[in-house]
């Protein structure tokens, strides 16, 4: 049992050391990445919407 407690304490110490090494992004980097993701989603959604409409029309013509 004491070995498990020592392991847990050692884990927490090491975790604290590792979190100190983490380099978090700046607010500007987060905002920039968010804008890129949102624009990518909009562009891909628009593309898929156009493809869907086109294929729907093709299917309507085939199964008319």
PDB file of N, CA and C in Angstrom:
ATOM      1  N   UNK A   1       0.809  -1.208   0.000  1.00  0.00           N
ATOM      2  CA  UNK A   1       0.000   0.000   0.000  1.00  0.00           C
ATOM      3  C   UNK A   1       0.855   1.276   0.000  1.00  0.00           C
ATOM      4  N   UNK A   2       1.897   1.339   0.809  1.00  0.00           N
ATOM      5  CA  UNK A   2       2.731   2.553   0.781  1.00  0.00           C
ATOM      6  C   UNK A   2       3.368   2.772  -0.588  1.00  0.00           C
ATOM      7  N   UNK A   3       3.652   1.680  -1.313  1.00  0.00           N
ATOM      8  CA  UNK A   3       4.244   1.806  -2.637  1.00  0.00           C
ATOM      9  C   UNK A   3       3.285   2.522  -3.593  1.00  0.00           C
ATOM     10  N   UNK A   4       1.994   2.208  -3.493  1.00  0.00           N
ATOM     11  CA  UNK A   4       1.002   2.860  -4.342  1.00  0.00           C
ATOM     12  C   UNK A   4       0.915   4.351  -4.018  1.00  0.00           C
ATOM     13  N   UNK A   5       0.999   4.681  -2.733  1.00  0.00           N
ATOM     14  CA  UNK A   5       0.952   6.085  -2.324  1.00  0.00           C
ATOM     15  C   UNK A   5       2.181   6.827  -2.840  1.00  0.00           C
ATOM     16  N   UNK A   6       3.342   6.205  -2.733  1.00  0.00           N
ATOM     17  CA  UNK A   6       4.565   6.813  -3.246  1.00  0.00           C
ATOM     18  C   UNK A   6       4.491   7.016  -4.762  1.00  0.00           C
ATOM     19  N   UNK A   7       3.936   6.019  -5.441  1.00  0.00           N
ATOM     20  CA  UNK A   7       3.777   6.126  -6.900  1.00  0.00           C
ATOM     21  C   UNK A   7       2.857   7.287  -7.260  1.00  0.00           C
ATOM     22  N   UNK A   8       1.761   7.427  -6.515  1.00  0.00           N
ATOM     23  CA  UNK A   8       0.808   8.499  -6.783  1.00  0.00           C
ATOM     24  C   UNK A   8       1.446   9.861  -6.542  1.00  0.00           C
ATOM     25  N   UNK A   9       2.191   9.977  -5.444  1.00  0.00           N
ATOM     26  CA  UNK A   9       2.859  11.242  -5.128  1.00  0.00           C
ATOM     27  C   UNK A   9       3.897  11.565  -6.198  1.00  0.00           C
ATOM     28  N   UNK A  10       4.660  10.581  -6.607  1.00  0.00           N
ATOM     29  CA  UNK A  10       5.680  10.780  -7.644  1.00  0.00           C
ATOM     30  C   UNK A  10       5.024  11.201  -8.964  1.00  0.00           C
ATOM     31  N   UNK A  11       3.909  10.563  -9.296  1.00  0.00           N
ATOM     32  CA  UNK A  11       3.175  10.909 -10.516  1.00  0.00           C
ATOM     33  C   UNK A  11       2.732  12.370 -10.481  1.00  0.00           C
ATOM     34  N   UNK A  12       2.189  12.794  -9.347  1.00  0.00           N
ATOM     35  CA  UNK A  12       1.719  14.172  -9.232  1.00  0.00           C
ATOM     36  C   UNK A  12       2.872  15.169  -9.330  1.00  0.00           C
ATOM     37  N   UNK A  13       3.998  14.842  -8.737  1.00  0.00           N
ATOM     38  CA  UNK A  13       5.176  15.713  -8.830  1.00  0.00           C
ATOM     39  C   UNK A  13       5.639  15.844 -10.276  1.00  0.00           C
ATOM     40  N   UNK A  14       5.742  14.708 -10.954  1.00  0.00           N
ATOM     41  CA  UNK A  14       6.180  14.715 -12.349  1.00  0.00           C
ATOM     42  C   UNK A  14       5.183  15.449 -13.240  1.00  0.00           C
ATOM     43  N   UNK A  15       3.902  15.272 -12.961  1.00  0.00           N
ATOM     44  CA  UNK A  15       2.865  15.952 -13.742  1.00  0.00           C
ATOM     45  C   UNK A  15       2.991  17.461 -13.594  1.00  0.00           C
ATOM     46  N   UNK A  16       3.240  17.903 -12.375  1.00  0.00           N
ATOM     47  CA  UNK A  16       3.390  19.339 -12.138  1.00  0.00           C
ATOM     48  C   UNK A  16       4.611  19.891 -12.881  1.00  0.00           C
ATOM     49  N   UNK A  17       5.689  19.144 -12.893  1.00  0.00           N
ATOM     50  CA  UNK A  17       6.883  19.565 -13.631  1.00  0.00           C
ATOM     51  C   UNK A  17       6.589  19.660 -15.129  1.00  0.00           C
ATOM     52  N   UNK A  18       5.893  18.665 -15.652  1.00  0.00           N
ATOM     53  CA  UNK A  18       5.601  18.638 -17.089  1.00  0.00           C
ATOM     54  C   UNK A  18       4.675  19.775 -17.495  1.00  0.00           C
ATOM     55  N   UNK A  19       3.680  20.084 -16.664  1.00  0.00           N
ATOM     56  CA  UNK A  19       2.748  21.156 -17.021  1.00  0.00           C
ATOM     57  C   UNK A  19       3.476  22.497 -17.044  1.00  0.00           C
ATOM     58  N   UNK A  20       4.558  22.600 -16.297  1.00  0.00           N
ATOM     59  CA  UNK A  20       5.365  23.813 -16.325  1.00  0.00           C
ATOM     60  C   UNK A  20       6.129  23.980 -17.630  1.00  0.00           C
ATOM     61  N   UNK A  21       6.348  22.896 -18.341  1.00  0.00           N
ATOM     62  CA  UNK A  21       7.077  22.935 -19.612  1.00  0.00           C
ATOM     63  C   UNK A  21       6.174  23.265 -20.804  1.00  0.00           C
ATOM     64  N   UNK A  22       4.878  23.203 -20.585  1.00  0.00           N
ATOM     65  CA  UNK A  22       3.936  23.410 -21.678  1.00  0.00           C
ATOM     66  C   UNK A  22       3.959  24.871 -22.112  1.00  0.00           C
ATOM     67  N   UNK A  23       3.983  25.090 -23.421  1.00  0.00           N
ATOM     68  CA  UNK A  23       3.924  26.445 -23.969  1.00  0.00           C
ATOM     69  C   UNK A  23       2.517  26.622 -24.545  1.00  0.00           C
ATOM     70  N   UNK A  24       1.730  27.419 -23.865  1.00  0.00           N
ATOM     71  CA  UNK A  24       0.368  27.647 -24.302  1.00  0.00           C
ATOM     72  C   UNK A  24       0.345  28.713 -25.386  1.00  0.00           C
ATOM     73  N   UNK A  25      -0.598  28.597 -26.341  1.00  0.00           N
ATOM     74  CA  UNK A  25      -0.660  29.589 -27.416  1.00  0.00           C
ATOM     75  C   UNK A  25      -1.135  30.938 -26.880  1.00  0.00           C
ATOM     76  N   UNK A  26      -0.749  31.989 -27.586  1.00  0.00           N
ATOM     77  CA  UNK A  26      -1.209  33.321 -27.212  1.00  0.00           C
ATOM     78  C   UNK A  26      -2.660  33.487 -27.658  1.00  0.00           C
ATOM     79  N   UNK A  27      -3.290  34.520 -27.141  1.00  0.00           N
ATOM     80  CA  UNK A  27      -4.677  34.788 -27.518  1.00  0.00           C
ATOM     81  C   UNK A  27      -4.776  35.025 -29.027  1.00  0.00           C
ATOM     82  N   UNK A  28      -3.796  35.736 -29.569  1.00  0.00           N
ATOM     83  CA  UNK A  28      -3.797  36.029 -31.003  1.00  0.00           C
ATOM     84  C   UNK A  28      -3.692  34.737 -31.827  1.00  0.00           C
ATOM     85  N   UNK A  29      -2.867  33.797 -31.387  1.00  0.00           N
ATOM     86  CA  UNK A  29      -2.740  32.513 -32.096  1.00  0.00           C
ATOM     87  C   UNK A  29      -4.037  31.711 -32.034  1.00  0.00           C
ATOM     88  N   UNK A  30      -4.689  31.738 -30.883  1.00  0.00           N
ATOM     89  CA  UNK A  30      -5.954  31.003 -30.733  1.00  0.00           C
ATOM     90  C   UNK A  30      -7.028  31.610 -31.626  1.00  0.00           C
ATOM     91  N   UNK A  31      -7.112  32.934 -31.625  1.00  0.00           N
ATOM     92  CA  UNK A  31      -8.107  33.612 -32.474  1.00  0.00           C
ATOM     93  C   UNK A  31      -7.828  33.320 -33.948  1.00  0.00           C
ATOM     94  N   UNK A  32      -6.566  33.385 -34.338  1.00  0.00           N
ATOM     95  CA  UNK A  32      -6.213  33.104 -35.733  1.00  0.00           C
ATOM     96  C   UNK A  32      -6.573  31.693 -36.144  1.00  0.00           C
ATOM     97  N   UNK A  33      -6.269  30.728 -35.288  1.00  0.00           N
ATOM     98  CA  UNK A  33      -6.586  29.332 -35.598  1.00  0.00           C
ATOM     99  C   UNK A  33      -8.098  29.125 -35.653  1.00  0.00           C
ATOM    100  N   UNK A  34      -8.819  29.791 -34.770  1.00  0.00           N
ATOM    101  CA  UNK A  34     -10.281  29.668 -34.755  1.00  0.00           C
ATOM    102  C   UNK A  34     -10.880  30.213 -36.037  1.00  0.00           C
ATOM    103  N   UNK A  35     -10.366  31.347 -36.496  1.00  0.00           N
ATOM    104  CA  UNK A  35     -10.860  31.938 -37.745  1.00  0.00           C
ATOM    105  C   UNK A  35     -10.591  30.992 -38.913  1.00  0.00           C
ATOM    106  N   UNK A  36      -9.418  30.403 -38.951  1.00  0.00           N
ATOM    107  CA  UNK A  36      -9.089  29.459 -40.029  1.00  0.00           C
ATOM    108  C   UNK A  36     -10.046  28.275 -40.016  1.00  0.00           C
ATOM    109  N   UNK A  37     -10.322  27.739 -38.837  1.00  0.00           N
ATOM    110  CA  UNK A  37     -11.223  26.587 -38.737  1.00  0.00           C
ATOM    111  C   UNK A  37     -12.634  26.970 -39.185  1.00  0.00           C
ATOM    112  N   UNK A  38     -13.125  28.105 -38.727  1.00  0.00           N
ATOM    113  CA  UNK A  38     -14.482  28.520 -39.095  1.00  0.00           C
ATOM    114  C   UNK A  38     -14.582  28.755 -40.603  1.00  0.00           C
ATOM    115  N   UNK A  39     -13.603  29.431 -41.178  1.00  0.00           N
ATOM    116  CA  UNK A  39     -13.631  29.662 -42.632  1.00  0.00           C
ATOM    117  C   UNK A  39     -13.548  28.342 -43.401  1.00  0.00           C
ATOM    118  N   UNK A  40     -12.734  27.424 -42.928  1.00  0.00           N
ATOM    119  CA  UNK A  40     -12.624  26.110 -43.586  1.00  0.00           C
ATOM    120  C   UNK A  40     -13.956  25.375 -43.551  1.00  0.00           C
ATOM    121  N   UNK A  41     -14.621  25.422 -42.418  1.00  0.00           N
ATOM    122  CA  UNK A  41     -15.925  24.756 -42.288  1.00  0.00           C
ATOM    123  C   UNK A  41     -16.941  25.384 -43.232  1.00  0.00           C
ATOM    124  N   UNK A  42     -16.937  26.705 -43.325  1.00  0.00           N
ATOM    125  CA  UNK A  42     -17.880  27.388 -44.214  1.00  0.00           C
ATOM    126  C   UNK A  42     -17.611  27.014 -45.670  1.00  0.00           C
ATOM    127  N   UNK A  43     -16.349  27.023 -46.078  1.00  0.00           N
ATOM    128  CA  UNK A  43     -15.997  26.705 -47.471  1.00  0.00           C
ATOM    129  C   UNK A  43     -16.359  25.261 -47.807  1.00  0.00           C
ATOM    130  N   UNK A  44     -16.001  24.322 -46.939  1.00  0.00           N
ATOM    131  CA  UNK A  44     -16.303  22.906 -47.200  1.00  0.00           C
ATOM    132  C   UNK A  44     -17.812  22.681 -47.202  1.00  0.00           C
ATOM    133  N   UNK A  45     -18.524  23.333 -46.279  1.00  0.00           N
ATOM    134  CA  UNK A  45     -19.990  23.186 -46.234  1.00  0.00           C
ATOM    135  C   UNK A  45     -20.626  23.713 -47.516  1.00  0.00           C
ATOM    136  N   UNK A  46     -20.168  24.861 -47.978  1.00  0.00           N
ATOM    137  CA  UNK A  46     -20.718  25.420 -49.220  1.00  0.00           C
ATOM    138  C   UNK A  46     -20.432  24.490 -50.398  1.00  0.00           C
ATOM    139  N   UNK A  47     -19.211  23.979 -50.462  1.00  0.00           N
ATOM    140  CA  UNK A  47     -18.858  23.063 -51.546  1.00  0.00           C
ATOM    141  C   UNK A  47     -19.752  21.819 -51.515  1.00  0.00           C
ATOM    142  N   UNK A  48     -19.898  21.213 -50.341  1.00  0.00           N
ATOM    143  CA  UNK A  48     -20.728  20.010 -50.236  1.00  0.00           C
ATOM    144  C   UNK A  48     -22.196  20.316 -50.533  1.00  0.00           C
ATOM    145  N   UNK A  49     -22.666  21.502 -50.167  1.00  0.00           N
ATOM    146  CA  UNK A  49     -24.036  21.899 -50.481  1.00  0.00           C
ATOM    147  C   UNK A  49     -24.254  21.986 -51.983  1.00  0.00           C
ATOM    148  N   UNK A  50     -23.293  22.587 -52.678  1.00  0.00           N
ATOM    149  CA  UNK A  50     -23.396  22.706 -54.140  1.00  0.00           C
ATOM    150  C   UNK A  50     -23.341  21.323 -54.792  1.00  0.00           C
ATOM    151  N   UNK A  51     -22.452  20.480 -54.340  1.00  0.00           N
ATOM    152  CA  UNK A  51     -22.360  19.119 -54.882  1.00  0.00           C
ATOM    153  C   UNK A  51     -23.665  18.365 -54.630  1.00  0.00           C
ATOM    154  N   UNK A  52     -24.223  18.509 -53.432  1.00  0.00           N
ATOM    155  CA  UNK A  52     -25.476  17.833 -53.090  1.00  0.00           C
ATOM    156  C   UNK A  52     -26.605  18.301 -54.002  1.00  0.00           C
ATOM    157  N   UNK A  53     -26.699  19.611 -54.191  1.00  0.00           N
ATOM    158  CA  UNK A  53     -27.746  20.126 -55.083  1.00  0.00           C
ATOM    159  C   UNK A  53     -27.568  19.608 -56.505  1.00  0.00           C
ATOM    160  N   UNK A  54     -26.329  19.598 -56.973  1.00  0.00           N
ATOM    161  CA  UNK A  54     -26.065  19.098 -58.325  1.00  0.00           C
ATOM    162  C   UNK A  54     -26.432  17.631 -58.469  1.00  0.00           C
ATOM    163  N   UNK A  55     -26.017  16.827 -57.513  1.00  0.00           N
ATOM    164  CA  UNK A  55     -26.342  15.395 -57.584  1.00  0.00           C
ATOM    165  C   UNK A  55     -27.839  15.147 -57.440  1.00  0.00           C
ATOM    166  N   UNK A  56     -28.510  15.960 -56.641  1.00  0.00           N
ATOM    167  CA  UNK A  56     -29.968  15.824 -56.508  1.00  0.00           C
ATOM    168  C   UNK A  56     -30.655  16.076 -57.838  1.00  0.00           C
ATOM    169  N   UNK A  57     -30.211  17.100 -58.548  1.00  0.00           N
ATOM    170  CA  UNK A  57     -30.788  17.401 -59.848  1.00  0.00           C
ATOM    171  C   UNK A  57     -30.514  16.287 -60.850  1.00  0.00           C
ATOM    172  N   UNK A  58     -29.327  15.738 -60.818  1.00  0.00           N
ATOM    173  CA  UNK A  58     -28.974  14.630 -61.705  1.00  0.00           C
ATOM    174  C   UNK A  58     -29.873  13.425 -61.416  1.00  0.00           C
ATOM    175  N   UNK A  59     -30.058  13.123 -60.158  1.00  0.00           N
ATOM    176  CA  UNK A  59     -30.913  11.984 -59.776  1.00  0.00           C
ATOM    177  C   UNK A  59     -32.372  12.230 -60.178  1.00  0.00           C
ATOM    178  N   UNK A  60     -32.826  13.451 -60.044  1.00  0.00           N
ATOM    179  CA  UNK A  60     -34.214  13.767 -60.464  1.00  0.00           C
ATOM    180  C   UNK A  60     -34.376  13.514 -61.960  1.00  0.00           C
ATOM    181  N   UNK A  61     -33.368  13.900 -62.740  1.00  0.00           N
ATOM    182  CA  UNK A  61     -33.435  13.694 -64.184  1.00  0.00           C
ATOM    183  C   UNK A  61     -33.374  12.218 -64.541  1.00  0.00           C
ATOM    184  N   UNK A  62     -32.552  11.447 -63.808  1.00  0.00           N
ATOM    185  CA  UNK A  62     -32.420  10.020 -64.099  1.00  0.00           C
ATOM    186  C   UNK A  62     -33.699   9.267 -63.764  1.00  0.00           C
ATOM    187  N   UNK A  63     -34.299   9.563 -62.611  1.00  0.00           N
ATOM    188  CA  UNK A  63     -35.454   8.815 -62.140  1.00  0.00           C
ATOM    189  C   UNK A  63     -36.782   9.483 -62.459  1.00  0.00           C
ATOM    190  N   UNK A  64     -36.785  10.367 -63.402  1.00  0.00           N
ATOM    191  CA  UNK A  64     -37.987  11.081 -63.823  1.00  0.00           C
ATOM    192  C   UNK A  64     -38.987  10.159 -64.472  1.00  0.00           C
TER     193      UNK A  64
END
